[in-house]
Amino acid sequence: MEELNGILFYLLGVNVITFIIMGMDKQKARKEKYRIPERTFWLLAIVGGALGAIIGMQRYRHKTKHRAFMWGMPILFLVNVASVLYLLYAN
């Protein structure tokens, strides 16, 4: 049970961070300031933040015209889910 709590705590954190950074990048885009590199969003999604990116994309209407984001983030979300299930049940 502790393992599950640790995984859920980690996932909550990385997804909240990804969501916040998505909003920050949208604000920077509106103000035409220095932007957060897309590779940052991809890295966060790979390490478990894909759901936060998807929610951020919808909430802030950000990166929604990028095909790579529209297809890649849901695919990475499925990879995240599969990875968590593997970690929990492979033992």
PDB file of N, CA and C in Angstrom:
ATOM      1  N   MET A   1       0.817  -1.201   0.000  1.00  0.00           N
ATOM      2  CA  MET A   1       0.000   0.000   0.000  1.00  0.00           C
ATOM      3  C   MET A   1       0.865   1.271   0.000  1.00  0.00           C
ATOM      4  N   GLU A   2       2.010   1.218   0.702  1.00  0.00           N
ATOM      5  CA  GLU A   2       2.896   2.382   0.717  1.00  0.00           C
ATOM      6  C   GLU A   2       3.431   2.677  -0.675  1.00  0.00           C
ATOM      7  N   GLU A   3       3.704   1.618  -1.421  1.00  0.00           N
ATOM      8  CA  GLU A   3       4.205   1.789  -2.784  1.00  0.00           C
ATOM      9  C   GLU A   3       3.181   2.531  -3.640  1.00  0.00           C
ATOM     10  N   LEU A   4       1.916   2.155  -3.519  1.00  0.00           N
ATOM     11  CA  LEU A   4       0.847   2.824  -4.263  1.00  0.00           C
ATOM     12  C   LEU A   4       0.740   4.285  -3.857  1.00  0.00           C
ATOM     13  N   ASN A   5       0.808   4.565  -2.565  1.00  0.00           N
ATOM     14  CA  ASN A   5       0.736   5.954  -2.096  1.00  0.00           C
ATOM     15  C   ASN A   5       1.885   6.785  -2.653  1.00  0.00           C
ATOM     16  N   GLY A   6       3.086   6.205  -2.676  1.00  0.00           N
ATOM     17  CA  GLY A   6       4.240   6.916  -3.212  1.00  0.00           C
ATOM     18  C   GLY A   6       4.085   7.222  -4.694  1.00  0.00           C
ATOM     19  N   ILE A   7       3.602   6.234  -5.436  1.00  0.00           N
ATOM     20  CA  ILE A   7       3.401   6.428  -6.876  1.00  0.00           C
ATOM     21  C   ILE A   7       2.337   7.487  -7.128  1.00  0.00           C
ATOM     22  N   LEU A   8       1.232   7.416  -6.394  1.00  0.00           N
ATOM     23  CA  LEU A   8       0.155   8.399  -6.581  1.00  0.00           C
ATOM     24  C   LEU A   8       0.599   9.799  -6.194  1.00  0.00           C
ATOM     25  N   PHE A   9       1.369   9.925  -5.126  1.00  0.00           N
ATOM     26  CA  PHE A   9       1.883  11.226  -4.704  1.00  0.00           C
ATOM     27  C   PHE A   9       2.801  11.802  -5.777  1.00  0.00           C
ATOM     28  N   TYR A  10       3.687  10.963  -6.313  1.00  0.00           N
ATOM     29  CA  TYR A  10       4.588  11.386  -7.383  1.00  0.00           C
ATOM     30  C   TYR A  10       3.801  11.846  -8.607  1.00  0.00           C
ATOM     31  N   LEU A  11       2.829  11.027  -9.038  1.00  0.00           N
ATOM     32  CA  LEU A  11       2.049  11.362 -10.226  1.00  0.00           C
ATOM     33  C   LEU A  11       1.239  12.643 -10.038  1.00  0.00           C
ATOM     34  N   LEU A  12       0.678  12.811  -8.862  1.00  0.00           N
ATOM     35  CA  LEU A  12      -0.058  14.046  -8.586  1.00  0.00           C
ATOM     36  C   LEU A  12       0.873  15.243  -8.721  1.00  0.00           C
ATOM     37  N   GLY A  13       2.049  15.138  -8.130  1.00  0.00           N
ATOM     38  CA  GLY A  13       3.008  16.244  -8.189  1.00  0.00           C
ATOM     39  C   GLY A  13       3.451  16.586  -9.594  1.00  0.00           C
ATOM     40  N   VAL A  14       3.862  15.581 -10.356  1.00  0.00           N
ATOM     41  CA  VAL A  14       4.368  15.842 -11.706  1.00  0.00           C
ATOM     42  C   VAL A  14       3.255  16.361 -12.616  1.00  0.00           C
ATOM     43  N   ASN A  15       2.027  15.905 -12.421  1.00  0.00           N
ATOM     44  CA  ASN A  15       0.923  16.389 -13.247  1.00  0.00           C
ATOM     45  C   ASN A  15       0.510  17.813 -12.882  1.00  0.00           C
ATOM     46  N   VAL A  16       0.535  18.142 -11.613  1.00  0.00           N
ATOM     47  CA  VAL A  16       0.228  19.522 -11.197  1.00  0.00           C
ATOM     48  C   VAL A  16       1.294  20.471 -11.747  1.00  0.00           C
ATOM     49  N   ILE A  17       2.555  20.072 -11.642  1.00  0.00           N
ATOM     50  CA  ILE A  17       3.641  20.900 -12.171  1.00  0.00           C
ATOM     51  C   ILE A  17       3.488  21.092 -13.679  1.00  0.00           C
ATOM     52  N   THR A  18       3.193  20.027 -14.390  1.00  0.00           N
ATOM     53  CA  THR A  18       3.024  20.113 -15.845  1.00  0.00           C
ATOM     54  C   THR A  18       1.865  21.039 -16.204  1.00  0.00           C
ATOM     55  N   PHE A  19       0.750  20.910 -15.491  1.00  0.00           N
ATOM     56  CA  PHE A  19      -0.413  21.761 -15.721  1.00  0.00           C
ATOM     57  C   PHE A  19      -0.056  23.236 -15.496  1.00  0.00           C
ATOM     58  N   ILE A  20       0.631  23.525 -14.401  1.00  0.00           N
ATOM     59  CA  ILE A  20       1.006  24.914 -14.082  1.00  0.00           C
ATOM     60  C   ILE A  20       1.950  25.469 -15.136  1.00  0.00           C
ATOM     61  N   ILE A  21       2.931  24.675 -15.541  1.00  0.00           N
ATOM     62  CA  ILE A  21       3.885  25.149 -16.548  1.00  0.00           C
ATOM     63  C   ILE A  21       3.199  25.382 -17.886  1.00  0.00           C
ATOM     64  N   MET A  22       2.209  24.567 -18.202  1.00  0.00           N
ATOM     65  CA  MET A  22       1.437  24.778 -19.437  1.00  0.00           C
ATOM     66  C   MET A  22       0.748  26.148 -19.381  1.00  0.00           C
ATOM     67  N   GLY A  23       0.165  26.483 -18.246  1.00  0.00           N
ATOM     68  CA  GLY A  23      -0.478  27.787 -18.082  1.00  0.00           C
ATOM     69  C   GLY A  23       0.519  28.933 -18.144  1.00  0.00           C
ATOM     70  N   MET A  24       1.685  28.728 -17.526  1.00  0.00           N
ATOM     71  CA  MET A  24       2.721  29.762 -17.566  1.00  0.00           C
ATOM     72  C   MET A  24       3.177  30.022 -18.996  1.00  0.00           C
ATOM     73  N   ASP A  25       3.337  28.956 -19.775  1.00  0.00           N
ATOM     74  CA  ASP A  25       3.778  29.117 -21.159  1.00  0.00           C
ATOM     75  C   ASP A  25       2.719  29.838 -21.985  1.00  0.00           C
ATOM     76  N   LYS A  26       1.467  29.570 -21.722  1.00  0.00           N
ATOM     77  CA  LYS A  26       0.393  30.269 -22.441  1.00  0.00           C
ATOM     78  C   LYS A  26       0.436  31.758 -22.131  1.00  0.00           C
ATOM     79  N   GLN A  27       0.652  32.095 -20.851  1.00  0.00           N
ATOM     80  CA  GLN A  27       0.760  33.513 -20.481  1.00  0.00           C
ATOM     81  C   GLN A  27       1.953  34.159 -21.176  1.00  0.00           C
ATOM     82  N   LYS A  28       3.068  33.454 -21.221  1.00  0.00           N
ATOM     83  CA  LYS A  28       4.250  33.986 -21.894  1.00  0.00           C
ATOM     84  C   LYS A  28       3.983  34.178 -23.386  1.00  0.00           C
ATOM     85  N   ALA A  29       3.231  33.264 -23.987  1.00  0.00           N
ATOM     86  CA  ALA A  29       2.903  33.380 -25.409  1.00  0.00           C
ATOM     87  C   ALA A  29       2.055  34.622 -25.648  1.00  0.00           C
ATOM     88  N   ARG A  30       1.100  34.867 -24.775  1.00  0.00           N
ATOM     89  CA  ARG A  30       0.246  36.047 -24.933  1.00  0.00           C
ATOM     90  C   ARG A  30       1.041  37.341 -24.807  1.00  0.00           C
ATOM     91  N   LYS A  31       2.031  37.352 -23.932  1.00  0.00           N
ATOM     92  CA  LYS A  31       2.828  38.558 -23.686  1.00  0.00           C
ATOM     93  C   LYS A  31       4.067  38.626 -24.570  1.00  0.00           C
ATOM     94  N   GLU A  32       4.195  37.631 -25.470  1.00  0.00           N
ATOM     95  CA  GLU A  32       5.323  37.542 -26.384  1.00  0.00           C
ATOM     96  C   GLU A  32       6.660  37.584 -25.650  1.00  0.00           C
ATOM     97  N   LYS A  33       6.756  36.839 -24.561  1.00  0.00           N
ATOM     98  CA  LYS A  33       7.989  36.734 -23.787  1.00  0.00           C
ATOM     99  C   LYS A  33       8.667  35.407 -24.096  1.00  0.00           C
ATOM    100  N   TYR A  34       9.843  35.207 -23.479  1.00  0.00           N
ATOM    101  CA  TYR A  34      10.595  33.968 -23.646  1.00  0.00           C
ATOM    102  C   TYR A  34       9.721  32.787 -23.272  1.00  0.00           C
ATOM    103  N   ARG A  35       9.688  31.785 -24.137  1.00  0.00           N
ATOM    104  CA  ARG A  35       8.795  30.635 -23.968  1.00  0.00           C
ATOM    105  C   ARG A  35       9.506  29.452 -23.343  1.00  0.00           C
ATOM    106  N   ILE A  36       8.720  28.594 -22.754  1.00  0.00           N
ATOM    107  CA  ILE A  36       9.218  27.337 -22.210  1.00  0.00           C
ATOM    108  C   ILE A  36       9.390  26.374 -23.392  1.00  0.00           C
ATOM    109  N   PRO A  37      10.551  25.750 -23.515  1.00  0.00           N
ATOM    110  CA  PRO A  37      10.779  24.853 -24.665  1.00  0.00           C
ATOM    111  C   PRO A  37       9.797  23.675 -24.669  1.00  0.00           C
ATOM    112  N   GLU A  38       9.384  23.280 -25.863  1.00  0.00           N
ATOM    113  CA  GLU A  38       8.463  22.147 -25.984  1.00  0.00           C
ATOM    114  C   GLU A  38       9.059  20.876 -25.415  1.00  0.00           C
ATOM    115  N   ARG A  39      10.373  20.734 -25.506  1.00  0.00           N
ATOM    116  CA  ARG A  39      10.997  19.524 -24.970  1.00  0.00           C
ATOM    117  C   ARG A  39      10.764  19.391 -23.470  1.00  0.00           C
ATOM    118  N   THR A  40      10.541  20.503 -22.780  1.00  0.00           N
ATOM    119  CA  THR A  40      10.222  20.460 -21.349  1.00  0.00           C
ATOM    120  C   THR A  40       8.886  19.767 -21.131  1.00  0.00           C
ATOM    121  N   PHE A  41       7.900  20.089 -21.955  1.00  0.00           N
ATOM    122  CA  PHE A  41       6.585  19.443 -21.844  1.00  0.00           C
ATOM    123  C   PHE A  41       6.687  17.954 -22.162  1.00  0.00           C
ATOM    124  N   TRP A  42       7.486  17.620 -23.173  1.00  0.00           N
ATOM    125  CA  TRP A  42       7.649  16.213 -23.539  1.00  0.00           C
ATOM    126  C   TRP A  42       8.341  15.441 -22.417  1.00  0.00           C
ATOM    127  N   LEU A  43       9.363  16.034 -21.836  1.00  0.00           N
ATOM    128  CA  LEU A  43      10.071  15.364 -20.745  1.00  0.00           C
ATOM    129  C   LEU A  43       9.138  15.135 -19.557  1.00  0.00           C
ATOM    130  N   LEU A  44       8.381  16.163 -19.184  1.00  0.00           N
ATOM    131  CA  LEU A  44       7.432  16.016 -18.084  1.00  0.00           C
ATOM    132  C   LEU A  44       6.376  14.955 -18.386  1.00  0.00           C
ATOM    133  N   ALA A  45       5.929  14.903 -19.627  1.00  0.00           N
ATOM    134  CA  ALA A  45       4.934  13.899 -20.007  1.00  0.00           C
ATOM    135  C   ALA A  45       5.523  12.493 -19.948  1.00  0.00           C
ATOM    136  N   ILE A  46       6.760  12.349 -20.364  1.00  0.00           N
ATOM    137  CA  ILE A  46       7.404  11.039 -20.345  1.00  0.00           C
ATOM    138  C   ILE A  46       7.562  10.522 -18.920  1.00  0.00           C
ATOM    139  N   VAL A  47       7.867  11.417 -17.984  1.00  0.00           N
ATOM    140  CA  VAL A  47       8.088  10.985 -16.602  1.00  0.00           C
ATOM    141  C   VAL A  47       6.801  10.932 -15.785  1.00  0.00           C
ATOM    142  N   GLY A  48       5.647  11.007 -16.464  1.00  0.00           N
ATOM    143  CA  GLY A  48       4.374  10.801 -15.774  1.00  0.00           C
ATOM    144  C   GLY A  48       3.392  11.947 -15.824  1.00  0.00           C
ATOM    145  N   GLY A  49       3.743  13.060 -16.460  1.00  0.00           N
ATOM    146  CA  GLY A  49       2.883  14.228 -16.446  1.00  0.00           C
ATOM    147  C   GLY A  49       2.002  14.416 -17.666  1.00  0.00           C
ATOM    148  N   ALA A  50       1.758  13.362 -18.412  1.00  0.00           N
ATOM    149  CA  ALA A  50       0.975  13.493 -19.648  1.00  0.00           C
ATOM    150  C   ALA A  50      -0.453  13.946 -19.365  1.00  0.00           C
ATOM    151  N   LEU A  51      -1.062  13.454 -18.304  1.00  0.00           N
ATOM    152  CA  LEU A  51      -2.430  13.868 -17.992  1.00  0.00           C
ATOM    153  C   LEU A  51      -2.483  15.356 -17.662  1.00  0.00           C
ATOM    154  N   GLY A  52      -1.514  15.848 -16.919  1.00  0.00           N
ATOM    155  CA  GLY A  52      -1.456  17.282 -16.613  1.00  0.00           C
ATOM    156  C   GLY A  52      -1.303  18.117 -17.869  1.00  0.00           C
ATOM    157  N   ALA A  53      -0.530  17.598 -18.833  1.00  0.00           N
ATOM    158  CA  ALA A  53      -0.364  18.307 -20.105  1.00  0.00           C
ATOM    159  C   ALA A  53      -1.666  18.318 -20.886  1.00  0.00           C
ATOM    160  N   ILE A  54      -2.366  17.198 -20.907  1.00  0.00           N
ATOM    161  CA  ILE A  54      -3.637  17.119 -21.634  1.00  0.00           C
ATOM    162  C   ILE A  54      -4.656  18.067 -21.031  1.00  0.00           C
ATOM    163  N   ILE A  55      -4.761  18.063 -19.716  1.00  0.00           N
ATOM    164  CA  ILE A  55      -5.714  18.954 -19.048  1.00  0.00           C
ATOM    165  C   ILE A  55      -5.310  20.408 -19.271  1.00  0.00           C
ATOM    166  N   GLY A  56      -4.009  20.695 -19.200  1.00  0.00           N
ATOM    167  CA  GLY A  56      -3.524  22.051 -19.456  1.00  0.00           C
ATOM    168  C   GLY A  56      -3.799  22.506 -20.877  1.00  0.00           C
ATOM    169  N   MET A  57      -3.635  21.597 -21.828  1.00  0.00           N
ATOM    170  CA  MET A  57      -3.919  21.933 -23.224  1.00  0.00           C
ATOM    171  C   MET A  57      -5.386  22.328 -23.384  1.00  0.00           C
ATOM    172  N   GLN A  58      -6.273  21.580 -22.742  1.00  0.00           N
ATOM    173  CA  GLN A  58      -7.703  21.871 -22.860  1.00  0.00           C
ATOM    174  C   GLN A  58      -8.079  23.136 -22.090  1.00  0.00           C
ATOM    175  N   ARG A  59      -7.572  23.255 -20.871  1.00  0.00           N
ATOM    176  CA  ARG A  59      -7.941  24.384 -20.009  1.00  0.00           C
ATOM    177  C   ARG A  59      -7.454  25.714 -20.585  1.00  0.00           C
ATOM    178  N   TYR A  60      -6.200  25.729 -21.042  1.00  0.00           N
ATOM    179  CA  TYR A  60      -5.601  26.974 -21.529  1.00  0.00           C
ATOM    180  C   TYR A  60      -5.674  27.126 -23.044  1.00  0.00           C
ATOM    181  N   ARG A  61      -6.232  26.137 -23.734  1.00  0.00           N
ATOM    182  CA  ARG A  61      -6.259  26.125 -25.202  1.00  0.00           C
ATOM    183  C   ARG A  61      -4.869  26.401 -25.751  1.00  0.00           C
ATOM    184  N   HIS A  62      -3.940  25.592 -25.272  1.00  0.00           N
ATOM    185  CA  HIS A  62      -2.531  25.797 -25.590  1.00  0.00           C
ATOM    186  C   HIS A  62      -1.960  24.539 -26.241  1.00  0.00           C
ATOM    187  N   LYS A  63      -1.233  24.727 -27.305  1.00  0.00           N
ATOM    188  CA  LYS A  63      -0.612  23.641 -28.064  1.00  0.00           C
ATOM    189  C   LYS A  63      -1.639  22.741 -28.734  1.00  0.00           C
ATOM    190  N   THR A  64      -2.854  23.203 -28.879  1.00  0.00           N
ATOM    191  CA  THR A  64      -3.917  22.374 -29.442  1.00  0.00           C
ATOM    192  C   THR A  64      -3.862  22.273 -30.963  1.00  0.00           C
ATOM    193  N   LYS A  65      -3.074  23.121 -31.596  1.00  0.00           N
ATOM    194  CA  LYS A  65      -2.938  23.039 -33.049  1.00  0.00           C
ATOM    195  C   LYS A  65      -1.713  22.231 -33.461  1.00  0.00           C
ATOM    196  N   HIS A  66      -0.946  21.801 -32.485  1.00  0.00           N
ATOM    197  CA  HIS A  66       0.239  20.993 -32.755  1.00  0.00           C
ATOM    198  C   HIS A  66      -0.174  19.526 -32.799  1.00  0.00           C
ATOM    199  N   ARG A  67      -0.091  18.941 -33.963  1.00  0.00           N
ATOM    200  CA  ARG A  67      -0.484  17.528 -34.109  1.00  0.00           C
ATOM    201  C   ARG A  67       0.308  16.619 -33.185  1.00  0.00           C
ATOM    202  N   ALA A  68       1.591  16.929 -33.040  1.00  0.00           N
ATOM    203  CA  ALA A  68       2.427  16.095 -32.183  1.00  0.00           C
ATOM    204  C   ALA A  68       1.890  16.082 -30.753  1.00  0.00           C
ATOM    205  N   PHE A  69       1.417  17.213 -30.278  1.00  0.00           N
ATOM    206  CA  PHE A  69       0.864  17.291 -28.931  1.00  0.00           C
ATOM    207  C   PHE A  69      -0.512  16.626 -28.862  1.00  0.00           C
ATOM    208  N   MET A  70      -1.322  16.849 -29.874  1.00  0.00           N
ATOM    209  CA  MET A  70      -2.683  16.296 -29.865  1.00  0.00           C
ATOM    210  C   MET A  70      -2.677  14.767 -29.912  1.00  0.00           C
ATOM    211  N   TRP A  71      -1.704  14.190 -30.562  1.00  0.00           N
ATOM    212  CA  TRP A  71      -1.604  12.728 -30.638  1.00  0.00           C
ATOM    213  C   TRP A  71      -0.630  12.170 -29.611  1.00  0.00           C
ATOM    214  N   GLY A  72       0.479  12.874 -29.432  1.00  0.00           N
ATOM    215  CA  GLY A  72       1.534  12.367 -28.567  1.00  0.00           C
ATOM    216  C   GLY A  72       1.186  12.329 -27.092  1.00  0.00           C
ATOM    217  N   MET A  73       0.529  13.354 -26.599  1.00  0.00           N
ATOM    218  CA  MET A  73       0.205  13.389 -25.167  1.00  0.00           C
ATOM    219  C   MET A  73      -0.765  12.263 -24.769  1.00  0.00           C
ATOM    220  N   PRO A  74      -1.830  12.021 -25.526  1.00  0.00           N
ATOM    221  CA  PRO A  74      -2.682  10.881 -25.157  1.00  0.00           C
ATOM    222  C   PRO A  74      -1.946   9.540 -25.228  1.00  0.00           C
ATOM    223  N   ILE A  75      -1.059   9.397 -26.202  1.00  0.00           N
ATOM    224  CA  ILE A  75      -0.288   8.160 -26.298  1.00  0.00           C
ATOM    225  C   ILE A  75       0.626   8.021 -25.084  1.00  0.00           C
ATOM    226  N   LEU A  76       1.286   9.115 -24.707  1.00  0.00           N
ATOM    227  CA  LEU A  76       2.145   9.071 -23.527  1.00  0.00           C
ATOM    228  C   LEU A  76       1.338   8.834 -22.249  1.00  0.00           C
ATOM    229  N   PHE A  77       0.118   9.338 -22.214  1.00  0.00           N
ATOM    230  CA  PHE A  77      -0.745   9.060 -21.059  1.00  0.00           C
ATOM    231  C   PHE A  77      -0.986   7.557 -20.942  1.00  0.00           C
ATOM    232  N   LEU A  78      -1.267   6.906 -22.058  1.00  0.00           N
ATOM    233  CA  LEU A  78      -1.467   5.455 -22.039  1.00  0.00           C
ATOM    234  C   LEU A  78      -0.189   4.727 -21.615  1.00  0.00           C
ATOM    235  N   VAL A  79       0.942   5.232 -22.063  1.00  0.00           N
ATOM    236  CA  VAL A  79       2.228   4.649 -21.645  1.00  0.00           C
ATOM    237  C   VAL A  79       2.414   4.850 -20.139  1.00  0.00           C
ATOM    238  N   ASN A  80       2.054   6.036 -19.634  1.00  0.00           N
ATOM    239  CA  ASN A  80       2.138   6.296 -18.190  1.00  0.00           C
ATOM    240  C   ASN A  80       1.280   5.321 -17.408  1.00  0.00           C
ATOM    241  N   VAL A  81       0.047   5.111 -17.850  1.00  0.00           N
ATOM    242  CA  VAL A  81      -0.869   4.191 -17.164  1.00  0.00           C
ATOM    243  C   VAL A  81      -0.303   2.771 -17.199  1.00  0.00           C
ATOM    244  N   ALA A  82       0.171   2.346 -18.361  1.00  0.00           N
ATOM    245  CA  ALA A  82       0.741   1.001 -18.486  1.00  0.00           C
ATOM    246  C   ALA A  82       1.963   0.840 -17.579  1.00  0.00           C
ATOM    247  N   SER A  83       2.779   1.877 -17.482  1.00  0.00           N
ATOM    248  CA  SER A  83       3.968   1.818 -16.631  1.00  0.00           C
ATOM    249  C   SER A  83       3.600   1.678 -15.157  1.00  0.00           C
ATOM    250  N   VAL A  84       2.609   2.445 -14.729  1.00  0.00           N
ATOM    251  CA  VAL A  84       2.160   2.361 -13.333  1.00  0.00           C
ATOM    252  C   VAL A  84       1.580   0.983 -13.045  1.00  0.00           C
ATOM    253  N   LEU A  85       0.777   0.484 -13.942  1.00  0.00           N
ATOM    254  CA  LEU A  85       0.202  -0.859 -13.750  1.00  0.00           C
ATOM    255  C   LEU A  85       1.318  -1.914 -13.694  1.00  0.00           C
ATOM    256  N   TYR A  86       2.305  -1.763 -14.528  1.00  0.00           N
ATOM    257  CA  TYR A  86       3.434  -2.696 -14.497  1.00  0.00           C
ATOM    258  C   TYR A  86       4.149  -2.637 -13.151  1.00  0.00           C
ATOM    259  N   LEU A  87       4.426  -1.408 -12.681  1.00  0.00           N
ATOM    260  CA  LEU A  87       5.104  -1.252 -11.400  1.00  0.00           C
ATOM    261  C   LEU A  87       4.318  -1.865 -10.256  1.00  0.00           C
ATOM    262  N   LEU A  88       3.011  -1.746 -10.318  1.00  0.00           N
ATOM    263  CA  LEU A  88       2.176  -2.237  -9.224  1.00  0.00           C
ATOM    264  C   LEU A  88       1.968  -3.749  -9.252  1.00  0.00           C
ATOM    265  N   TYR A  89       1.859  -4.318 -10.434  1.00  0.00           N
ATOM    266  CA  TYR A  89       1.468  -5.718 -10.528  1.00  0.00           C
ATOM    267  C   TYR A  89       2.541  -6.661 -11.043  1.00  0.00           C
ATOM    268  N   ALA A  90       3.702  -6.175 -11.388  1.00  0.00           N
ATOM    269  CA  ALA A  90       4.747  -7.039 -11.933  1.00  0.00           C
ATOM    270  C   ALA A  90       5.477  -7.826 -10.837  1.00  0.00           C
ATOM    271  N   ASN A  91       5.320  -7.406  -9.628  1.00  0.00           N
ATOM    272  CA  ASN A  91       6.052  -8.073  -8.527  1.00  0.00           C
ATOM    273  C   ASN A  91       5.422  -9.369  -8.207  1.00  0.00           C
TER     274      ASN A  91
END
